[in-house]
Amino acid sequence: MLIVALLSIGFYLFASVLVLQQFFSSQTHTPNRVLTAAWLAIILHMATLGMAIIQAQSVQNLSVLNVASLVALLINIGLTSISQRQNSWILLPFAYAFAMVLLFSNSFTPSHYLTSLGDRPGLVAHIALALLSYAMMSIASLFALLQVYLSYQLKQRRKLNLQNVPPLLTIEKQLVRLLQIGGVLLTLSISSGFVFLDNMLAPSNLDKAGLSIIAWCIYATLLWGHYQRGWRGQRLVIMTLTGNVLLAVAYFGSRLLQNML
């Protein structure tokens, strides 16, 4: 598993270097080598996770590091796919760096949280929807941060290599589209929790459910304000990042606190 993880890290690093070279150069972007390295890294990342999570036929290791690495994998799949259609390559090194850190940490400091999901398809569906919604909102947050960066650079009247950076309007449209998809997934995730989990509102899960619902309200308000009141720019960014932080605390906060205690 260690060799596969290190190979994945190597391909992620190679893809990131290629993207940064193109971003800081005046050459037209050629994504073929980037995509080849990126998809090889993703496939190896997937194989590493498969070996780390599947401990036995009926037992899975859903440790914090494994779940975080799975989220990073979903983010990389989504962001790499988006970059093939739109000019958002500059976001890839940041997403890939997060995956590299998690792969390295999981290889040398493995943790265990063994559970069995084989006979609980409803729980599997709930977890999958939760992770997909968080990954989608995390990608939206990356676009929000890119929008902040470009807005700042334009206000400072600094010359940008625009052929390797998407226009602000394109970034905002993609951000809103991601929020829509993530909002649907988050709605399904919360709904499936009430349907398939007997202890959704138990004291041990109340913080997760409460923060997830608050984040859902923020995203729903944001989309309503965007379409009905024309909310854009800074308000769009702040609310997107706030919702993402709440989801991160909901999904990982309690588990991390338990581990520290």
C-alpha atoms as a PDB file:
ATOM      1  CA  MET A   1       0.000   0.000   0.000  1.00  0.00           C
ATOM      2  CA  LEU A   2       2.878   2.367   0.812  1.00  0.00           C
ATOM      3  CA  ILE A   3       4.369   2.062  -2.690  1.00  0.00           C
ATOM      4  CA  VAL A   4       1.004   2.744  -4.335  1.00  0.00           C
ATOM      5  CA  ALA A   5       0.438   5.770  -2.083  1.00  0.00           C
ATOM      6  CA  LEU A   6       3.893   7.177  -2.875  1.00  0.00           C
ATOM      7  CA  LEU A   7       3.299   6.684  -6.605  1.00  0.00           C
ATOM      8  CA  SER A   8       0.000   8.563  -6.290  1.00  0.00           C
ATOM      9  CA  ILE A   9       1.760  11.396  -4.447  1.00  0.00           C
ATOM     10  CA  GLY A  10       4.416  11.488  -7.174  1.00  0.00           C
ATOM     11  CA  PHE A  11       1.879  11.800  -9.992  1.00  0.00           C
ATOM     12  CA  TYR A  12      -0.102  14.444  -8.066  1.00  0.00           C
ATOM     13  CA  LEU A  13       3.127  16.400  -7.591  1.00  0.00           C
ATOM     14  CA  PHE A  14       4.092  16.054 -11.255  1.00  0.00           C
ATOM     15  CA  ALA A  15       0.643  17.242 -12.402  1.00  0.00           C
ATOM     16  CA  SER A  16       0.835  20.221 -10.018  1.00  0.00           C
ATOM     17  CA  VAL A  17       4.265  21.240 -11.308  1.00  0.00           C
ATOM     18  CA  LEU A  18       3.034  21.086 -14.900  1.00  0.00           C
ATOM     19  CA  VAL A  19       0.027  23.290 -14.062  1.00  0.00           C
ATOM     20  CA  LEU A  20       2.175  25.867 -12.272  1.00  0.00           C
ATOM     21  CA  GLN A  21       4.656  25.943 -15.145  1.00  0.00           C
ATOM     22  CA  GLN A  22       1.861  26.714 -17.579  1.00  0.00           C
ATOM     23  CA  PHE A  23       0.269  29.275 -15.268  1.00  0.00           C
ATOM     24  CA  PHE A  24       3.450  31.302 -14.852  1.00  0.00           C
ATOM     25  CA  SER A  25       4.495  31.031 -18.494  1.00  0.00           C
ATOM     26  CA  SER A  26       3.195  32.820 -21.562  1.00  0.00           C
ATOM     27  CA  GLN A  27       2.559  29.591 -23.456  1.00  0.00           C
ATOM     28  CA  THR A  28      -0.855  28.310 -24.387  1.00  0.00           C
ATOM     29  CA  HIS A  29      -2.018  25.686 -21.945  1.00  0.00           C
ATOM     30  CA  THR A  30      -1.724  22.091 -23.174  1.00  0.00           C
ATOM     31  CA  PRO A  31      -3.560  19.814 -20.711  1.00  0.00           C
ATOM     32  CA  ASN A  32      -2.681  16.378 -22.113  1.00  0.00           C
ATOM     33  CA  ARG A  33       0.288  15.671 -19.848  1.00  0.00           C
ATOM     34  CA  VAL A  34      -1.474  17.245 -16.855  1.00  0.00           C
ATOM     35  CA  LEU A  35      -4.562  15.091 -17.342  1.00  0.00           C
ATOM     36  CA  THR A  36      -2.530  11.914 -17.842  1.00  0.00           C
ATOM     37  CA  ALA A  37      -0.572  12.470 -14.629  1.00  0.00           C
ATOM     38  CA  ALA A  38      -3.684  13.592 -12.739  1.00  0.00           C
ATOM     39  CA  TRP A  39      -5.831  10.598 -13.678  1.00  0.00           C
ATOM     40  CA  LEU A  40      -2.983   8.189 -12.917  1.00  0.00           C
ATOM     41  CA  ALA A  41      -2.655   9.822  -9.486  1.00  0.00           C
ATOM     42  CA  ILE A  42      -6.407   9.564  -8.928  1.00  0.00           C
ATOM     43  CA  ILE A  43      -6.500   5.868  -9.921  1.00  0.00           C
ATOM     44  CA  LEU A  44      -3.600   5.080  -7.581  1.00  0.00           C
ATOM     45  CA  HIS A  45      -5.239   7.177  -4.840  1.00  0.00           C
ATOM     46  CA  MET A  46      -8.412   5.134  -5.294  1.00  0.00           C
ATOM     47  CA  ALA A  47      -6.448   1.876  -5.047  1.00  0.00           C
ATOM     48  CA  THR A  48      -4.697   3.076  -1.881  1.00  0.00           C
ATOM     49  CA  LEU A  49      -7.999   3.965  -0.271  1.00  0.00           C
ATOM     50  CA  GLY A  50      -9.519   0.648  -1.261  1.00  0.00           C
ATOM     51  CA  MET A  51      -6.724  -1.207   0.526  1.00  0.00           C
ATOM     52  CA  ALA A  52      -6.941   1.088   3.559  1.00  0.00           C
ATOM     53  CA  ILE A  53     -10.722   1.014   4.012  1.00  0.00           C
ATOM     54  CA  ILE A  54     -11.518  -2.627   3.201  1.00  0.00           C
ATOM     55  CA  GLN A  55      -9.957  -4.463   6.141  1.00  0.00           C
ATOM     56  CA  ALA A  56     -11.935  -7.674   5.734  1.00  0.00           C
ATOM     57  CA  GLN A  57     -14.933  -8.953   3.851  1.00  0.00           C
ATOM     58  CA  SER A  58     -17.462  -7.368   6.214  1.00  0.00           C
ATOM     59  CA  VAL A  59     -15.412  -4.696   8.031  1.00  0.00           C
ATOM     60  CA  GLN A  60     -14.438  -1.208   6.858  1.00  0.00           C
ATOM     61  CA  ASN A  61     -11.923   1.201   8.366  1.00  0.00           C
ATOM     62  CA  LEU A  62     -13.672   4.596   8.353  1.00  0.00           C
ATOM     63  CA  SER A  63     -11.015   6.490  10.286  1.00  0.00           C
ATOM     64  CA  VAL A  64     -10.887  10.284  10.080  1.00  0.00           C
ATOM     65  CA  LEU A  65      -7.860  10.138   7.774  1.00  0.00           C
ATOM     66  CA  ASN A  66      -9.497   7.601   5.474  1.00  0.00           C
ATOM     67  CA  VAL A  67     -12.721   9.586   5.234  1.00  0.00           C
ATOM     68  CA  ALA A  68     -10.815  12.851   4.682  1.00  0.00           C
ATOM     69  CA  SER A  69      -8.732  11.156   1.979  1.00  0.00           C
ATOM     70  CA  LEU A  70     -11.930   9.887   0.358  1.00  0.00           C
ATOM     71  CA  VAL A  71     -13.302  13.442   0.319  1.00  0.00           C
ATOM     72  CA  ALA A  72     -10.029  14.652  -1.227  1.00  0.00           C
ATOM     73  CA  LEU A  73     -10.341  11.947  -3.885  1.00  0.00           C
ATOM     74  CA  LEU A  74     -13.898  13.049  -4.729  1.00  0.00           C
ATOM     75  CA  ILE A  75     -12.775  16.679  -4.894  1.00  0.00           C
ATOM     76  CA  ASN A  76      -9.926  15.786  -7.249  1.00  0.00           C
ATOM     77  CA  ILE A  77     -12.184  13.736  -9.520  1.00  0.00           C
ATOM     78  CA  GLY A  78     -14.717  16.565  -9.713  1.00  0.00           C
ATOM     79  CA  LEU A  79     -12.200  19.376 -10.124  1.00  0.00           C
ATOM     80  CA  THR A  80     -10.131  17.518 -12.717  1.00  0.00           C
ATOM     81  CA  SER A  81     -13.278  16.770 -14.717  1.00  0.00           C
ATOM     82  CA  ILE A  82     -14.321  20.429 -14.556  1.00  0.00           C
ATOM     83  CA  SER A  83     -10.851  21.552 -15.669  1.00  0.00           C
ATOM     84  CA  GLN A  84     -11.162  19.421 -18.792  1.00  0.00           C
ATOM     85  CA  ARG A  85     -14.172  21.515 -19.832  1.00  0.00           C
ATOM     86  CA  GLN A  86     -13.276  24.899 -18.367  1.00  0.00           C
ATOM     87  CA  ASN A  87     -10.071  26.834 -17.808  1.00  0.00           C
ATOM     88  CA  SER A  88      -9.720  26.313 -14.048  1.00  0.00           C
ATOM     89  CA  TRP A  89      -6.369  24.526 -13.978  1.00  0.00           C
ATOM     90  CA  ILE A  90      -4.853  26.820 -11.370  1.00  0.00           C
ATOM     91  CA  LEU A  91      -7.098  25.270  -8.693  1.00  0.00           C
ATOM     92  CA  LEU A  92      -5.688  21.788  -9.225  1.00  0.00           C
ATOM     93  CA  PRO A  93      -2.369  22.198  -7.311  1.00  0.00           C
ATOM     94  CA  PHE A  94      -4.229  23.285  -4.172  1.00  0.00           C
ATOM     95  CA  ALA A  95      -6.595  20.311  -4.286  1.00  0.00           C
ATOM     96  CA  TYR A  96      -3.764  17.914  -5.138  1.00  0.00           C
ATOM     97  CA  ALA A  97      -1.605  19.252  -2.283  1.00  0.00           C
ATOM     98  CA  PHE A  98      -4.399  18.442   0.188  1.00  0.00           C
ATOM     99  CA  ALA A  99      -4.598  14.887  -1.178  1.00  0.00           C
ATOM    100  CA  MET A 100      -0.806  14.466  -1.003  1.00  0.00           C
ATOM    101  CA  VAL A 101      -0.713  15.494   2.668  1.00  0.00           C
ATOM    102  CA  LEU A 102      -3.495  13.046   3.542  1.00  0.00           C
ATOM    103  CA  LEU A 103      -1.928  10.180   1.587  1.00  0.00           C
ATOM    104  CA  PHE A 104       1.422  10.772   3.275  1.00  0.00           C
ATOM    105  CA  SER A 105      -0.131  11.064   6.742  1.00  0.00           C
ATOM    106  CA  ASN A 106      -2.247   7.955   6.283  1.00  0.00           C
ATOM    107  CA  SER A 107       0.758   5.961   5.089  1.00  0.00           C
ATOM    108  CA  PHE A 108       2.961   6.711   8.094  1.00  0.00           C
ATOM    109  CA  THR A 109       0.422   7.413  10.865  1.00  0.00           C
ATOM    110  CA  PRO A 110      -2.517   5.093  10.119  1.00  0.00           C
ATOM    111  CA  SER A 111      -5.602   5.196  12.338  1.00  0.00           C
ATOM    112  CA  HIS A 112      -8.511   2.801  12.731  1.00  0.00           C
ATOM    113  CA  TYR A 113     -12.252   3.127  13.193  1.00  0.00           C
ATOM    114  CA  LEU A 114     -13.661  -0.256  12.242  1.00  0.00           C
ATOM    115  CA  THR A 115     -17.322  -0.629  11.345  1.00  0.00           C
ATOM    116  CA  SER A 116     -19.542  -2.839   9.220  1.00  0.00           C
ATOM    117  CA  LEU A 117     -21.732  -1.354   6.481  1.00  0.00           C
ATOM    118  CA  GLY A 118     -22.483  -4.496   4.491  1.00  0.00           C
ATOM    119  CA  ASP A 119     -25.965  -5.038   5.895  1.00  0.00           C
ATOM    120  CA  ARG A 120     -26.924  -1.335   6.086  1.00  0.00           C
ATOM    121  CA  PRO A 121     -27.465  -0.037   2.526  1.00  0.00           C
ATOM    122  CA  GLY A 122     -29.422   2.965   3.801  1.00  0.00           C
ATOM    123  CA  LEU A 123     -26.471   4.087   5.909  1.00  0.00           C
ATOM    124  CA  VAL A 124     -24.123   3.591   2.950  1.00  0.00           C
ATOM    125  CA  ALA A 125     -26.372   5.813   0.820  1.00  0.00           C
ATOM    126  CA  HIS A 126     -26.459   8.475   3.559  1.00  0.00           C
ATOM    127  CA  ILE A 127     -22.667   8.483   3.950  1.00  0.00           C
ATOM    128  CA  ALA A 128     -22.122   8.600   0.186  1.00  0.00           C
ATOM    129  CA  LEU A 129     -24.497  11.555  -0.216  1.00  0.00           C
ATOM    130  CA  ALA A 130     -22.891  13.372   2.713  1.00  0.00           C
ATOM    131  CA  LEU A 131     -19.384  12.958   1.308  1.00  0.00           C
ATOM    132  CA  LEU A 132     -20.455  13.919  -2.221  1.00  0.00           C
ATOM    133  CA  SER A 133     -22.241  17.047  -0.990  1.00  0.00           C
ATOM    134  CA  TYR A 134     -19.237  18.112   1.091  1.00  0.00           C
ATOM    135  CA  ALA A 135     -16.854  17.484  -1.810  1.00  0.00           C
ATOM    136  CA  MET A 136     -19.062  19.546  -4.136  1.00  0.00           C
ATOM    137  CA  MET A 137     -19.256  22.424  -1.650  1.00  0.00           C
ATOM    138  CA  SER A 138     -15.485  22.249  -1.162  1.00  0.00           C
ATOM    139  CA  ILE A 139     -14.962  22.628  -4.909  1.00  0.00           C
ATOM    140  CA  ALA A 140     -17.367  25.589  -4.812  1.00  0.00           C
ATOM    141  CA  SER A 141     -15.249  27.082  -2.021  1.00  0.00           C
ATOM    142  CA  LEU A 142     -12.125  26.776  -4.180  1.00  0.00           C
ATOM    143  CA  PHE A 143     -13.888  28.699  -6.936  1.00  0.00           C
ATOM    144  CA  ALA A 144     -14.974  31.288  -4.361  1.00  0.00           C
ATOM    145  CA  LEU A 145     -11.369  31.742  -3.215  1.00  0.00           C
ATOM    146  CA  LEU A 146     -10.229  32.054  -6.833  1.00  0.00           C
ATOM    147  CA  GLN A 147     -12.856  34.744  -7.346  1.00  0.00           C
ATOM    148  CA  VAL A 148     -11.503  36.647  -4.330  1.00  0.00           C
ATOM    149  CA  TYR A 149      -7.950  36.393  -5.665  1.00  0.00           C
ATOM    150  CA  LEU A 150      -8.821  37.600  -9.159  1.00  0.00           C
ATOM    151  CA  SER A 151     -10.992  40.439  -7.838  1.00  0.00           C
ATOM    152  CA  TYR A 152      -8.126  41.617  -5.632  1.00  0.00           C
ATOM    153  CA  GLN A 153      -5.633  41.448  -8.493  1.00  0.00           C
ATOM    154  CA  LEU A 154      -7.933  43.430 -10.778  1.00  0.00           C
ATOM    155  CA  LYS A 155      -8.537  46.086  -8.112  1.00  0.00           C
ATOM    156  CA  GLN A 156      -4.778  46.434  -7.728  1.00  0.00           C
ATOM    157  CA  ARG A 157      -4.612  46.778 -11.534  1.00  0.00           C
ATOM    158  CA  ARG A 158      -2.072  43.999 -11.796  1.00  0.00           C
ATOM    159  CA  LYS A 159      -1.558  42.319 -15.133  1.00  0.00           C
ATOM    160  CA  LEU A 160      -2.676  38.693 -15.119  1.00  0.00           C
ATOM    161  CA  ASN A 161      -1.887  35.836 -17.484  1.00  0.00           C
ATOM    162  CA  LEU A 162      -5.542  35.689 -18.510  1.00  0.00           C
ATOM    163  CA  GLN A 163      -5.107  32.866 -21.017  1.00  0.00           C
ATOM    164  CA  ASN A 164      -4.443  30.533 -18.087  1.00  0.00           C
ATOM    165  CA  VAL A 165      -7.121  31.979 -15.762  1.00  0.00           C
ATOM    166  CA  PRO A 166     -10.904  31.856 -16.320  1.00  0.00           C
ATOM    167  CA  PRO A 167     -12.831  35.174 -16.482  1.00  0.00           C
ATOM    168  CA  LEU A 168     -14.570  36.336 -13.304  1.00  0.00           C
ATOM    169  CA  LEU A 169     -18.032  35.876 -14.808  1.00  0.00           C
ATOM    170  CA  THR A 170     -17.212  32.276 -15.736  1.00  0.00           C
ATOM    171  CA  ILE A 171     -15.968  31.596 -12.199  1.00  0.00           C
ATOM    172  CA  GLU A 172     -19.165  32.993 -10.674  1.00  0.00           C
ATOM    173  CA  LYS A 173     -21.385  30.967 -12.993  1.00  0.00           C
ATOM    174  CA  GLN A 174     -19.480  27.795 -12.158  1.00  0.00           C
ATOM    175  CA  LEU A 175     -19.655  28.628  -8.446  1.00  0.00           C
ATOM    176  CA  VAL A 176     -23.434  28.984  -8.553  1.00  0.00           C
ATOM    177  CA  ARG A 177     -23.776  25.773 -10.580  1.00  0.00           C
ATOM    178  CA  LEU A 178     -21.714  23.887  -8.007  1.00  0.00           C
ATOM    179  CA  LEU A 179     -23.810  25.327  -5.185  1.00  0.00           C
ATOM    180  CA  GLN A 180     -26.954  24.110  -6.918  1.00  0.00           C
ATOM    181  CA  ILE A 181     -25.619  20.566  -7.340  1.00  0.00           C
ATOM    182  CA  GLY A 182     -24.176  20.534  -3.834  1.00  0.00           C
ATOM    183  CA  GLY A 183     -27.448  21.874  -2.420  1.00  0.00           C
ATOM    184  CA  VAL A 184     -29.412  19.009  -3.977  1.00  0.00           C
ATOM    185  CA  LEU A 185     -26.908  16.461  -2.639  1.00  0.00           C
ATOM    186  CA  LEU A 186     -26.951  18.048   0.824  1.00  0.00           C
ATOM    187  CA  THR A 187     -30.772  17.992   0.846  1.00  0.00           C
ATOM    188  CA  LEU A 188     -30.753  14.294  -0.048  1.00  0.00           C
ATOM    189  CA  SER A 189     -28.056  13.620   2.561  1.00  0.00           C
ATOM    190  CA  ILE A 190     -29.996  15.253   5.408  1.00  0.00           C
ATOM    191  CA  SER A 191     -33.259  13.646   4.298  1.00  0.00           C
ATOM    192  CA  SER A 192     -31.659  10.194   4.104  1.00  0.00           C
ATOM    193  CA  GLY A 193     -30.301  10.682   7.618  1.00  0.00           C
ATOM    194  CA  PHE A 194     -33.802  11.147   8.993  1.00  0.00           C
ATOM    195  CA  VAL A 195     -35.027   8.135   7.013  1.00  0.00           C
ATOM    196  CA  PHE A 196     -32.228   5.614   7.580  1.00  0.00           C
ATOM    197  CA  LEU A 197     -30.696   6.661  10.918  1.00  0.00           C
ATOM    198  CA  ASP A 198     -32.584   5.841  14.103  1.00  0.00           C
ATOM    199  CA  ASN A 199     -30.449   8.210  16.178  1.00  0.00           C
ATOM    200  CA  MET A 200     -30.284  11.216  13.840  1.00  0.00           C
ATOM    201  CA  LEU A 201     -31.350  13.592  16.620  1.00  0.00           C
ATOM    202  CA  ALA A 202     -29.708  11.723  19.478  1.00  0.00           C
ATOM    203  CA  PRO A 203     -27.429  13.838  21.716  1.00  0.00           C
ATOM    204  CA  SER A 204     -24.328  12.234  20.173  1.00  0.00           C
ATOM    205  CA  ASN A 205     -25.413  13.240  16.648  1.00  0.00           C
ATOM    206  CA  LEU A 206     -27.232  16.484  17.407  1.00  0.00           C
ATOM    207  CA  ASP A 207     -24.180  18.641  16.663  1.00  0.00           C
ATOM    208  CA  LYS A 208     -23.672  17.001  13.258  1.00  0.00           C
ATOM    209  CA  ALA A 209     -27.337  17.239  12.300  1.00  0.00           C
ATOM    210  CA  GLY A 210     -27.681  20.792  13.610  1.00  0.00           C
ATOM    211  CA  LEU A 211     -24.603  22.149  11.836  1.00  0.00           C
ATOM    212  CA  SER A 212     -25.555  20.390   8.603  1.00  0.00           C
ATOM    213  CA  ILE A 213     -29.042  21.901   8.704  1.00  0.00           C
ATOM    214  CA  ILE A 214     -27.624  25.368   9.447  1.00  0.00           C
ATOM    215  CA  ALA A 215     -25.246  24.990   6.481  1.00  0.00           C
ATOM    216  CA  TRP A 216     -28.181  23.904   4.300  1.00  0.00           C
ATOM    217  CA  CYS A 217     -30.104  27.034   5.354  1.00  0.00           C
ATOM    218  CA  ILE A 218     -27.115  29.221   4.452  1.00  0.00           C
ATOM    219  CA  TYR A 219     -26.791  27.662   0.998  1.00  0.00           C
ATOM    220  CA  ALA A 220     -30.546  27.828   0.371  1.00  0.00           C
ATOM    221  CA  THR A 221     -30.605  31.501   1.405  1.00  0.00           C
ATOM    222  CA  LEU A 222     -27.581  32.197  -0.766  1.00  0.00           C
ATOM    223  CA  LEU A 223     -29.141  30.670  -3.879  1.00  0.00           C
ATOM    224  CA  TRP A 224     -32.446  32.425  -3.202  1.00  0.00           C
ATOM    225  CA  GLY A 225     -30.639  35.752  -2.754  1.00  0.00           C
ATOM    226  CA  HIS A 226     -28.592  35.233  -5.911  1.00  0.00           C
ATOM    227  CA  TYR A 227     -31.609  34.608  -8.125  1.00  0.00           C
ATOM    228  CA  GLN A 228     -34.166  36.846  -6.404  1.00  0.00           C
ATOM    229  CA  ARG A 229     -32.029  39.729  -5.129  1.00  0.00           C
ATOM    230  CA  GLY A 230     -29.008  39.536  -7.387  1.00  0.00           C
ATOM    231  CA  TRP A 231     -26.496  38.711  -4.654  1.00  0.00           C
ATOM    232  CA  ARG A 232     -22.994  38.474  -6.097  1.00  0.00           C
ATOM    233  CA  GLY A 233     -19.361  39.076  -5.276  1.00  0.00           C
ATOM    234  CA  GLN A 234     -18.270  39.247  -1.654  1.00  0.00           C
ATOM    235  CA  ARG A 235     -21.567  38.092  -0.153  1.00  0.00           C
ATOM    236  CA  LEU A 236     -21.558  35.029  -2.410  1.00  0.00           C
ATOM    237  CA  VAL A 237     -18.014  34.169  -1.356  1.00  0.00           C
ATOM    238  CA  ILE A 238     -18.494  34.689   2.401  1.00  0.00           C
ATOM    239  CA  MET A 239     -21.659  32.611   2.599  1.00  0.00           C
ATOM    240  CA  THR A 240     -20.138  29.828   0.493  1.00  0.00           C
ATOM    241  CA  LEU A 241     -17.063  29.580   2.725  1.00  0.00           C
ATOM    242  CA  THR A 242     -19.158  29.825   5.913  1.00  0.00           C
ATOM    243  CA  GLY A 243     -21.360  26.921   4.858  1.00  0.00           C
ATOM    244  CA  ASN A 244     -18.312  24.834   3.939  1.00  0.00           C
ATOM    245  CA  VAL A 245     -16.682  25.437   7.329  1.00  0.00           C
ATOM    246  CA  LEU A 246     -19.882  24.399   9.105  1.00  0.00           C
ATOM    247  CA  LEU A 247     -20.035  21.178   7.089  1.00  0.00           C
ATOM    248  CA  ALA A 248     -16.374  20.443   7.869  1.00  0.00           C
ATOM    249  CA  VAL A 249     -17.006  20.850  11.588  1.00  0.00           C
ATOM    250  CA  ALA A 250     -20.170  18.745  11.327  1.00  0.00           C
ATOM    251  CA  TYR A 251     -18.475  15.890   9.465  1.00  0.00           C
ATOM    252  CA  PHE A 252     -15.056  15.837  11.140  1.00  0.00           C
ATOM    253  CA  GLY A 253     -15.194  17.965  14.299  1.00  0.00           C
ATOM    254  CA  SER A 254     -16.739  15.482  16.719  1.00  0.00           C
ATOM    255  CA  ARG A 255     -14.585  12.584  15.471  1.00  0.00           C
ATOM    256  CA  LEU A 256     -11.396  14.615  15.854  1.00  0.00           C
ATOM    257  CA  LEU A 257     -12.437  15.674  19.358  1.00  0.00           C
ATOM    258  CA  GLN A 258     -13.083  12.043  20.302  1.00  0.00           C
ATOM    259  CA  ASN A 259      -9.650  11.054  19.012  1.00  0.00           C
ATOM    260  CA  MET A 260      -7.920  13.798  20.992  1.00  0.00           C
ATOM    261  CA  LEU A 261      -9.759  12.826  24.157  1.00  0.00           C
END
